[in-house]
Amino acid sequence: MVKQGIVSSVDLVNRKARVTFQDTDNVVTADIPYAQHVSPLINDVAVVALFSPNLANGMIIAVRREG
């Protein structure tokens, strides 16, 4: 499944981030990795590939900066 959300935290050392999904009552992922070509910042719109219903099993595959 692919979902869109907002980057809510970024761990640059471990190359992981958390994403908030506003369409599902602001549910937040666990720390998930982001793809090699992606450099997320807080409040970026993130495209997340989820590999199972578990929000810890996914990867940020793209981001878009707003404004």
PDB file of N, CA and C in Angstrom:
ATOM      1  N   MET A   1       0.844  -1.161   0.000  1.00  0.00           N
ATOM      2  CA  MET A   1       0.000   0.000   0.000  1.00  0.00           C
ATOM      3  C   MET A   1       0.901   1.240   0.000  1.00  0.00           C
ATOM      4  N   VAL A   2       0.467   2.279  -0.685  1.00  0.00           N
ATOM      5  CA  VAL A   2       1.193   3.548  -0.714  1.00  0.00           C
ATOM      6  C   VAL A   2       0.296   4.607  -0.099  1.00  0.00           C
ATOM      7  N   LYS A   3       0.853   5.361   0.861  1.00  0.00           N
ATOM      8  CA  LYS A   3       0.092   6.411   1.546  1.00  0.00           C
ATOM      9  C   LYS A   3       0.870   7.711   1.537  1.00  0.00           C
ATOM     10  N   GLN A   4       0.135   8.805   1.694  1.00  0.00           N
ATOM     11  CA  GLN A   4       0.727  10.135   1.795  1.00  0.00           C
ATOM     12  C   GLN A   4       0.548  10.650   3.206  1.00  0.00           C
ATOM     13  N   GLY A   5       1.596  11.269   3.756  1.00  0.00           N
ATOM     14  CA  GLY A   5       1.515  11.829   5.096  1.00  0.00           C
ATOM     15  C   GLY A   5       2.479  12.985   5.244  1.00  0.00           C
ATOM     16  N   ILE A   6       2.640  13.448   6.467  1.00  0.00           N
ATOM     17  CA  ILE A   6       3.516  14.579   6.778  1.00  0.00           C
ATOM     18  C   ILE A   6       4.659  14.096   7.665  1.00  0.00           C
ATOM     19  N   VAL A   7       5.884  14.440   7.292  1.00  0.00           N
ATOM     20  CA  VAL A   7       7.055  14.061   8.094  1.00  0.00           C
ATOM     21  C   VAL A   7       6.972  14.794   9.435  1.00  0.00           C
ATOM     22  N   SER A   8       6.988  14.035  10.529  1.00  0.00           N
ATOM     23  CA  SER A   8       6.867  14.640  11.857  1.00  0.00           C
ATOM     24  C   SER A   8       8.161  14.608  12.662  1.00  0.00           C
ATOM     25  N   SER A   9       9.098  13.747  12.290  1.00  0.00           N
ATOM     26  CA  SER A   9      10.429  13.762  12.924  1.00  0.00           C
ATOM     27  C   SER A   9      11.419  13.093  11.981  1.00  0.00           C
ATOM     28  N   VAL A  10      12.685  13.488  12.124  1.00  0.00           N
ATOM     29  CA  VAL A  10      13.735  12.947  11.264  1.00  0.00           C
ATOM     30  C   VAL A  10      14.942  12.593  12.126  1.00  0.00           C
ATOM     31  N   ASP A  11      15.474  11.406  11.928  1.00  0.00           N
ATOM     32  CA  ASP A  11      16.698  10.936  12.588  1.00  0.00           C
ATOM     33  C   ASP A  11      17.769  10.810  11.507  1.00  0.00           C
ATOM     34  N   LEU A  12      18.595  11.861  11.366  1.00  0.00           N
ATOM     35  CA  LEU A  12      19.595  11.896  10.304  1.00  0.00           C
ATOM     36  C   LEU A  12      20.683  10.844  10.483  1.00  0.00           C
ATOM     37  N   VAL A  13      21.030  10.527  11.719  1.00  0.00           N
ATOM     38  CA  VAL A  13      22.098   9.567  11.988  1.00  0.00           C
ATOM     39  C   VAL A  13      21.713   8.173  11.494  1.00  0.00           C
ATOM     40  N   ASN A  14      20.480   7.757  11.789  1.00  0.00           N
ATOM     41  CA  ASN A  14      20.027   6.414  11.425  1.00  0.00           C
ATOM     42  C   ASN A  14      19.232   6.367  10.123  1.00  0.00           C
ATOM     43  N   ARG A  15      19.073   7.522   9.466  1.00  0.00           N
ATOM     44  CA  ARG A  15      18.318   7.643   8.204  1.00  0.00           C
ATOM     45  C   ARG A  15      16.911   7.068   8.333  1.00  0.00           C
ATOM     46  N   LYS A  16      16.222   7.547   9.388  1.00  0.00           N
ATOM     47  CA  LYS A  16      14.838   7.138   9.623  1.00  0.00           C
ATOM     48  C   LYS A  16      14.006   8.373   9.941  1.00  0.00           C
ATOM     49  N   ALA A  17      12.704   8.243   9.750  1.00  0.00           N
ATOM     50  CA  ALA A  17      11.793   9.342  10.052  1.00  0.00           C
ATOM     51  C   ALA A  17      10.448   8.778  10.478  1.00  0.00           C
ATOM     52  N   ARG A  18       9.622   9.645  11.050  1.00  0.00           N
ATOM     53  CA  ARG A  18       8.243   9.293  11.394  1.00  0.00           C
ATOM     54  C   ARG A  18       7.316  10.135  10.531  1.00  0.00           C
ATOM     55  N   VAL A  19       6.212   9.526  10.152  1.00  0.00           N
ATOM     56  CA  VAL A  19       5.243  10.193   9.286  1.00  0.00           C
ATOM     57  C   VAL A  19       3.870  10.135   9.939  1.00  0.00           C
ATOM     58  N   THR A  20       3.174  11.270   9.932  1.00  0.00           N
ATOM     59  CA  THR A  20       1.814  11.359  10.451  1.00  0.00           C
ATOM     60  C   THR A  20       0.834  11.280   9.292  1.00  0.00           C
ATOM     61  N   PHE A  21      -0.148  10.397   9.410  1.00  0.00           N
ATOM     62  CA  PHE A  21      -1.176  10.248   8.388  1.00  0.00           C
ATOM     63  C   PHE A  21      -2.435  10.978   8.848  1.00  0.00           C
ATOM     64  N   GLN A  22      -2.680  12.132   8.281  1.00  0.00           N
ATOM     65  CA  GLN A  22      -3.810  12.959   8.685  1.00  0.00           C
ATOM     66  C   GLN A  22      -5.147  12.334   8.292  1.00  0.00           C
ATOM     67  N   ASP A  23      -5.146  11.463   7.296  1.00  0.00           N
ATOM     68  CA  ASP A  23      -6.400  10.843   6.850  1.00  0.00           C
ATOM     69  C   ASP A  23      -6.851   9.704   7.760  1.00  0.00           C
ATOM     70  N   THR A  24      -6.002   9.314   8.709  1.00  0.00           N
ATOM     71  CA  THR A  24      -6.360   8.233   9.648  1.00  0.00           C
ATOM     72  C   THR A  24      -6.146   8.702  11.086  1.00  0.00           C
ATOM     73  N   ASP A  25      -6.824   9.782  11.439  1.00  0.00           N
ATOM     74  CA  ASP A  25      -6.806  10.307  12.820  1.00  0.00           C
ATOM     75  C   ASP A  25      -5.409  10.618  13.333  1.00  0.00           C
ATOM     76  N   ASN A  26      -4.534  11.122  12.462  1.00  0.00           N
ATOM     77  CA  ASN A  26      -3.174  11.522  12.833  1.00  0.00           C
ATOM     78  C   ASN A  26      -2.338  10.393  13.430  1.00  0.00           C
ATOM     79  N   VAL A  27      -2.541   9.186  12.930  1.00  0.00           N
ATOM     80  CA  VAL A  27      -1.725   8.044  13.334  1.00  0.00           C
ATOM     81  C   VAL A  27      -0.292   8.290  12.864  1.00  0.00           C
ATOM     82  N   VAL A  28       0.682   7.956  13.704  1.00  0.00           N
ATOM     83  CA  VAL A  28       2.096   8.185  13.397  1.00  0.00           C
ATOM     84  C   VAL A  28       2.807   6.844  13.237  1.00  0.00           C
ATOM     85  N   THR A  29       3.647   6.751  12.213  1.00  0.00           N
ATOM     86  CA  THR A  29       4.437   5.532  12.011  1.00  0.00           C
ATOM     87  C   THR A  29       5.496   5.410  13.096  1.00  0.00           C
ATOM     88  N   ALA A  30       6.058   4.240  13.193  1.00  0.00           N
ATOM     89  CA  ALA A  30       7.301   4.068  13.956  1.00  0.00           C
ATOM     90  C   ALA A  30       8.403   4.735  13.134  1.00  0.00           C
ATOM     91  N   ASP A  31       9.622   4.757  13.640  1.00  0.00           N
ATOM     92  CA  ASP A  31      10.749   5.233  12.834  1.00  0.00           C
ATOM     93  C   ASP A  31      10.915   4.282  11.657  1.00  0.00           C
ATOM     94  N   ILE A  32      10.758   4.798  10.441  1.00  0.00           N
ATOM     95  CA  ILE A  32      10.917   3.978   9.242  1.00  0.00           C
ATOM     96  C   ILE A  32      12.034   4.570   8.389  1.00  0.00           C
ATOM     97  N   PRO A  33      12.742   3.741   7.650  1.00  0.00           N
ATOM     98  CA  PRO A  33      13.837   4.249   6.823  1.00  0.00           C
ATOM     99  C   PRO A  33      13.315   5.070   5.652  1.00  0.00           C
ATOM    100  N   TYR A  34      14.194   5.910   5.128  1.00  0.00           N
ATOM    101  CA  TYR A  34      13.862   6.609   3.896  1.00  0.00           C
ATOM    102  C   TYR A  34      14.873   6.229   2.825  1.00  0.00           C
ATOM    103  N   ALA A  35      14.396   6.232   1.590  1.00  0.00           N
ATOM    104  CA  ALA A  35      15.194   5.779   0.457  1.00  0.00           C
ATOM    105  C   ALA A  35      16.465   6.621   0.302  1.00  0.00           C
ATOM    106  N   GLN A  36      17.459   6.034  -0.326  1.00  0.00           N
ATOM    107  CA  GLN A  36      18.773   6.659  -0.510  1.00  0.00           C
ATOM    108  C   GLN A  36      18.667   8.052  -1.139  1.00  0.00           C
ATOM    109  N   HIS A  37      17.776   8.224  -2.097  1.00  0.00           N
ATOM    110  CA  HIS A  37      17.662   9.486  -2.833  1.00  0.00           C
ATOM    111  C   HIS A  37      16.773  10.516  -2.135  1.00  0.00           C
ATOM    112  N   VAL A  38      16.243  10.198  -0.963  1.00  0.00           N
ATOM    113  CA  VAL A  38      15.292  11.061  -0.257  1.00  0.00           C
ATOM    114  C   VAL A  38      15.974  11.739   0.922  1.00  0.00           C
ATOM    115  N   SER A  39      15.689  13.036   1.104  1.00  0.00           N
ATOM    116  CA  SER A  39      16.217  13.802   2.243  1.00  0.00           C
ATOM    117  C   SER A  39      15.060  14.542   2.910  1.00  0.00           C
ATOM    118  N   PRO A  40      14.297  13.857   3.751  1.00  0.00           N
ATOM    119  CA  PRO A  40      13.104  14.487   4.323  1.00  0.00           C
ATOM    120  C   PRO A  40      13.425  15.548   5.365  1.00  0.00           C
ATOM    121  N   LEU A  41      12.556  16.542   5.421  1.00  0.00           N
ATOM    122  CA  LEU A  41      12.575  17.558   6.461  1.00  0.00           C
ATOM    123  C   LEU A  41      11.218  17.542   7.149  1.00  0.00           C
ATOM    124  N   ILE A  42      11.173  17.995   8.391  1.00  0.00           N
ATOM    125  CA  ILE A  42       9.907  18.057   9.110  1.00  0.00           C
ATOM    126  C   ILE A  42       8.926  18.922   8.321  1.00  0.00           C
ATOM    127  N   ASN A  43       7.690  18.459   8.227  1.00  0.00           N
ATOM    128  CA  ASN A  43       6.569  19.075   7.514  1.00  0.00           C
ATOM    129  C   ASN A  43       6.571  18.818   6.013  1.00  0.00           C
ATOM    130  N   ASP A  44       7.552  18.089   5.483  1.00  0.00           N
ATOM    131  CA  ASP A  44       7.476  17.670   4.080  1.00  0.00           C
ATOM    132  C   ASP A  44       6.310  16.713   3.908  1.00  0.00           C
ATOM    133  N   VAL A  45       5.725  16.717   2.719  1.00  0.00           N
ATOM    134  CA  VAL A  45       4.735  15.704   2.361  1.00  0.00           C
ATOM    135  C   VAL A  45       5.515  14.464   1.946  1.00  0.00           C
ATOM    136  N   ALA A  46       5.223  13.337   2.566  1.00  0.00           N
ATOM    137  CA  ALA A  46       5.961  12.097   2.311  1.00  0.00           C
ATOM    138  C   ALA A  46       5.084  11.080   1.601  1.00  0.00           C
ATOM    139  N   VAL A  47       5.692  10.357   0.678  1.00  0.00           N
ATOM    140  CA  VAL A  47       5.054   9.209   0.054  1.00  0.00           C
ATOM    141  C   VAL A  47       5.671   7.978   0.707  1.00  0.00           C
ATOM    142  N   VAL A  48       4.830   7.164   1.330  1.00  0.00           N
ATOM    143  CA  VAL A  48       5.300   6.024   2.122  1.00  0.00           C
ATOM    144  C   VAL A  48       4.782   4.725   1.508  1.00  0.00           C
ATOM    145  N   ALA A  49       5.693   3.800   1.247  1.00  0.00           N
ATOM    146  CA  ALA A  49       5.320   2.450   0.820  1.00  0.00           C
ATOM    147  C   ALA A  49       5.243   1.597   2.082  1.00  0.00           C
ATOM    148  N   LEU A  50       4.057   1.057   2.356  1.00  0.00           N
ATOM    149  CA  LEU A  50       3.866   0.179   3.510  1.00  0.00           C
ATOM    150  C   LEU A  50       3.789  -1.257   3.008  1.00  0.00           C
ATOM    151  N   PHE A  51       4.584  -2.122   3.606  1.00  0.00           N
ATOM    152  CA  PHE A  51       4.689  -3.502   3.156  1.00  0.00           C
ATOM    153  C   PHE A  51       3.755  -4.449   3.901  1.00  0.00           C
ATOM    154  N   SER A  52       3.093  -3.938   4.938  1.00  0.00           N
ATOM    155  CA  SER A  52       2.110  -4.707   5.703  1.00  0.00           C
ATOM    156  C   SER A  52       1.234  -3.698   6.436  1.00  0.00           C
ATOM    157  N   PRO A  53       0.170  -4.140   7.086  1.00  0.00           N
ATOM    158  CA  PRO A  53      -0.656  -3.201   7.867  1.00  0.00           C
ATOM    159  C   PRO A  53       0.101  -2.595   9.056  1.00  0.00           C
ATOM    160  N   ASN A  54       1.213  -3.194   9.422  1.00  0.00           N
ATOM    161  CA  ASN A  54       2.040  -2.709  10.522  1.00  0.00           C
ATOM    162  C   ASN A  54       2.765  -1.438  10.070  1.00  0.00           C
ATOM    163  N   LEU A  55       2.552  -0.318  10.753  1.00  0.00           N
ATOM    164  CA  LEU A  55       3.144   0.957  10.352  1.00  0.00           C
ATOM    165  C   LEU A  55       4.637   1.040  10.607  1.00  0.00           C
ATOM    166  N   ALA A  56       5.237  -0.016  11.120  1.00  0.00           N
ATOM    167  CA  ALA A  56       6.692  -0.053  11.301  1.00  0.00           C
ATOM    168  C   ALA A  56       7.373  -0.725  10.119  1.00  0.00           C
ATOM    169  N   ASN A  57       6.588  -1.288   9.209  1.00  0.00           N
ATOM    170  CA  ASN A  57       7.129  -2.044   8.086  1.00  0.00           C
ATOM    171  C   ASN A  57       6.885  -1.267   6.792  1.00  0.00           C
ATOM    172  N   GLY A  58       7.726  -0.247   6.577  1.00  0.00           N
ATOM    173  CA  GLY A  58       7.566   0.587   5.401  1.00  0.00           C
ATOM    174  C   GLY A  58       8.809   1.389   5.116  1.00  0.00           C
ATOM    175  N   MET A  59       8.713   2.248   4.095  1.00  0.00           N
ATOM    176  CA  MET A  59       9.838   3.101   3.711  1.00  0.00           C
ATOM    177  C   MET A  59       9.291   4.364   3.059  1.00  0.00           C
ATOM    178  N   ILE A  60       9.933   5.483   3.355  1.00  0.00           N
ATOM    179  CA  ILE A  60       9.604   6.739   2.679  1.00  0.00           C
ATOM    180  C   ILE A  60      10.310   6.714   1.334  1.00  0.00           C
ATOM    181  N   ILE A  61       9.524   6.797   0.260  1.00  0.00           N
ATOM    182  CA  ILE A  61      10.107   6.652  -1.081  1.00  0.00           C
ATOM    183  C   ILE A  61      10.197   7.985  -1.823  1.00  0.00           C
ATOM    184  N   ALA A  62       9.538   9.024  -1.310  1.00  0.00           N
ATOM    185  CA  ALA A  62       9.615  10.347  -1.945  1.00  0.00           C
ATOM    186  C   ALA A  62       9.097  11.391  -0.963  1.00  0.00           C
ATOM    187  N   VAL A  63       9.536  12.645  -1.156  1.00  0.00           N
ATOM    188  CA  VAL A  63       9.005  13.772  -0.385  1.00  0.00           C
ATOM    189  C   VAL A  63       8.771  14.957  -1.321  1.00  0.00           C
ATOM    190  N   ARG A  64       7.858  15.821  -0.892  1.00  0.00           N
ATOM    191  CA  ARG A  64       7.586  17.054  -1.625  1.00  0.00           C
ATOM    192  C   ARG A  64       7.554  18.186  -0.597  1.00  0.00           C
ATOM    193  N   ARG A  65       8.246  19.236  -0.894  1.00  0.00           N
ATOM    194  CA  ARG A  65       8.268  20.403   0.009  1.00  0.00           C
ATOM    195  C   ARG A  65       7.107  21.308  -0.339  1.00  0.00           C
ATOM    196  N   GLU A  66       6.386  21.713   0.692  1.00  0.00           N
ATOM    197  CA  GLU A  66       5.272  22.641   0.515  1.00  0.00           C
ATOM    198  C   GLU A  66       5.783  24.065   0.708  1.00  0.00           C
ATOM    199  N   GLY A  67       5.375  24.947  -0.160  1.00  0.00           N
ATOM    200  CA  GLY A  67       5.685  26.380  -0.015  1.00  0.00           C
ATOM    201  C   GLY A  67       7.089  26.662  -0.252  1.00  0.00           C
TER     202      GLY A  67
END
